[in-house]
Amino acid sequence: MPERPCRDSDATTLRQAASVVADGVGSLCRLTLGPQDRLRGPADVSDVIAGVSVAASLLPQLFGQLAAFLEVEHVRGTVAGGPAAGERVRAISDALHRAGLDAEAMAAALASAGGEITHLQADA
């Protein structure tokens, strides 16, 4: 599945967009769980891997943008948090950076799994 660029919509709020991501992952968990799962073969697993891989590949950019926003706003003085606000912003920025690195590793692992699953097929 090709990587999709970040798109936005004037009608979508940040909270709504984040909720869509969480709901989508929750739906995938429910659709792949237990005896009533919707998985019918390796092609279904491949489709899930491909979709999640695209999302994972975009997370480092997202986390970097969030960290940059907080850092800039702190420098501008628009982020309150008492005398330790700078330390908190740095801690959040560091955590987001680590999450971005983990997301890169996850995207690479998913790409590897996606490449391998192409060699499997369902028994007829």
Protein backbone atom coordinates (compact mmCIF):
# COMPACT_ATOMS: atom_id res chain seq x y z
CA MET A 1 0.00 0.00 0.00
CA PRO A 2 1.53 3.35 -0.96
CA GLU A 3 2.23 5.92 1.70
CA ARG A 4 -0.48 8.54 1.93
CA PRO A 5 0.40 12.17 2.52
CA CYS A 6 -1.05 13.96 5.51
CA ARG A 7 -4.39 15.49 4.58
CA ASP A 8 -6.63 17.75 6.54
CA SER A 9 -10.21 18.87 6.47
CA ASP A 10 -11.60 22.15 7.70
CA ALA A 11 -14.43 20.18 9.32
CA THR A 12 -12.12 17.89 11.30
CA THR A 13 -10.86 18.90 14.72
CA LEU A 14 -7.68 17.52 16.23
CA ARG A 15 -9.67 15.64 18.84
CA GLN A 16 -11.93 14.10 16.17
CA ALA A 17 -8.95 13.02 14.06
CA ALA A 18 -7.24 11.41 17.07
CA SER A 19 -10.51 9.69 17.97
CA VAL A 20 -10.82 8.25 14.46
CA VAL A 21 -7.36 6.69 14.81
CA ALA A 22 -8.21 5.17 18.20
CA ASP A 23 -11.58 3.92 16.95
CA GLY A 24 -9.97 2.38 13.88
CA VAL A 25 -7.42 0.44 15.91
CA GLY A 26 -10.15 -0.63 18.32
CA SER A 27 -12.25 -1.87 15.42
CA LEU A 28 -9.33 -3.85 14.02
CA CYS A 29 -8.79 -5.44 17.44
CA ARG A 30 -12.46 -6.47 17.64
CA LEU A 31 -12.53 -7.71 14.03
CA THR A 32 -9.50 -9.93 14.56
CA LEU A 33 -10.39 -11.35 17.98
CA GLY A 34 -11.69 -14.77 18.85
CA PRO A 35 -13.90 -17.27 17.07
CA GLN A 36 -16.01 -14.54 15.44
CA ASP A 37 -13.06 -12.77 13.83
CA ARG A 38 -13.30 -11.59 10.25
CA LEU A 39 -9.92 -12.92 9.15
CA ARG A 40 -10.30 -15.35 6.27
CA GLY A 41 -6.74 -15.77 5.14
CA PRO A 42 -3.29 -14.28 4.72
CA ALA A 43 -4.67 -11.64 2.34
CA ASP A 44 -6.78 -10.20 5.16
CA VAL A 45 -3.75 -10.12 7.46
CA SER A 46 -1.79 -8.45 4.67
CA ASP A 47 -4.47 -5.76 4.28
CA VAL A 48 -4.39 -4.98 8.01
CA ILE A 49 -0.58 -4.90 8.06
CA ALA A 50 -0.51 -2.56 5.06
CA GLY A 51 -2.98 -0.12 6.56
CA VAL A 52 -1.38 -0.05 9.98
CA SER A 53 2.05 0.25 8.37
CA VAL A 54 1.02 3.47 6.63
CA ALA A 55 -0.25 4.90 9.91
CA ALA A 56 2.93 3.86 11.75
CA SER A 57 5.12 5.47 9.09
CA LEU A 58 3.38 8.82 9.66
CA LEU A 59 3.66 8.78 13.45
CA PRO A 60 7.28 10.03 13.66
CA GLN A 61 6.31 13.13 11.69
CA LEU A 62 3.25 13.71 13.86
CA PHE A 63 5.17 13.29 17.10
CA GLY A 64 7.89 15.64 15.85
CA GLN A 65 5.33 18.27 14.97
CA LEU A 66 3.71 18.01 18.40
CA ALA A 67 7.07 18.35 20.15
CA ALA A 68 8.08 21.31 17.95
CA PHE A 69 4.79 23.06 18.70
CA LEU A 70 5.27 22.75 22.46
CA GLU A 71 8.90 23.90 22.24
CA VAL A 72 8.03 26.96 20.16
CA GLU A 73 5.08 27.86 22.37
CA HIS A 74 7.25 27.52 25.46
CA VAL A 75 9.83 29.90 23.97
CA ARG A 76 7.02 32.34 23.12
CA GLY A 77 5.85 32.13 26.72
CA THR A 78 2.38 30.83 25.85
CA VAL A 79 2.72 27.53 27.74
CA ALA A 80 2.02 27.79 31.46
CA GLY A 81 3.27 25.27 33.97
CA GLY A 82 5.08 27.14 36.65
CA PRO A 83 8.83 27.32 37.08
CA ALA A 84 9.24 23.73 35.85
CA ALA A 85 7.41 24.32 32.54
CA GLY A 86 10.65 24.19 30.55
CA GLU A 87 11.61 20.89 32.13
CA ARG A 88 8.16 19.49 31.40
CA VAL A 89 8.28 20.62 27.78
CA ARG A 90 11.72 18.99 27.40
CA ALA A 91 10.47 15.78 29.02
CA ILE A 92 7.44 15.68 26.73
CA SER A 93 9.58 16.46 23.69
CA ASP A 94 12.03 13.69 24.62
CA ALA A 95 9.18 11.22 25.14
CA LEU A 96 7.65 12.14 21.77
CA HIS A 97 11.05 11.72 20.11
CA ARG A 98 11.40 8.24 21.64
CA ALA A 99 7.86 7.38 20.54
CA GLY A 100 8.79 8.49 17.02
CA LEU A 101 11.81 6.21 17.02
CA ASP A 102 9.66 3.34 18.26
CA ALA A 103 7.12 4.07 15.52
CA GLU A 104 9.90 3.95 12.91
CA ALA A 105 10.92 0.54 14.25
CA MET A 106 7.29 -0.60 14.20
CA ALA A 107 6.84 0.59 10.62
CA ALA A 108 10.00 -1.27 9.58
CA ALA A 109 8.82 -4.45 11.32
CA LEU A 110 5.41 -4.17 9.65
CA ALA A 111 7.05 -3.65 6.26
CA SER A 112 9.08 -6.80 6.85
CA ALA A 113 5.97 -8.75 7.87
CA GLY A 114 4.11 -7.37 4.86
CA GLY A 115 6.89 -8.51 2.54
CA GLU A 116 6.91 -12.00 4.01
CA ILE A 117 3.15 -12.49 4.03
CA THR A 118 3.03 -12.12 0.26
CA HIS A 119 4.53 -15.63 0.11
CA LEU A 120 1.60 -17.17 2.00
CA GLN A 121 -1.74 -18.18 0.64
CA ALA A 122 -4.88 -19.69 2.14
CA ASP A 123 -5.53 -23.40 1.71
CA ALA A 124 -8.26 -24.00 -0.80
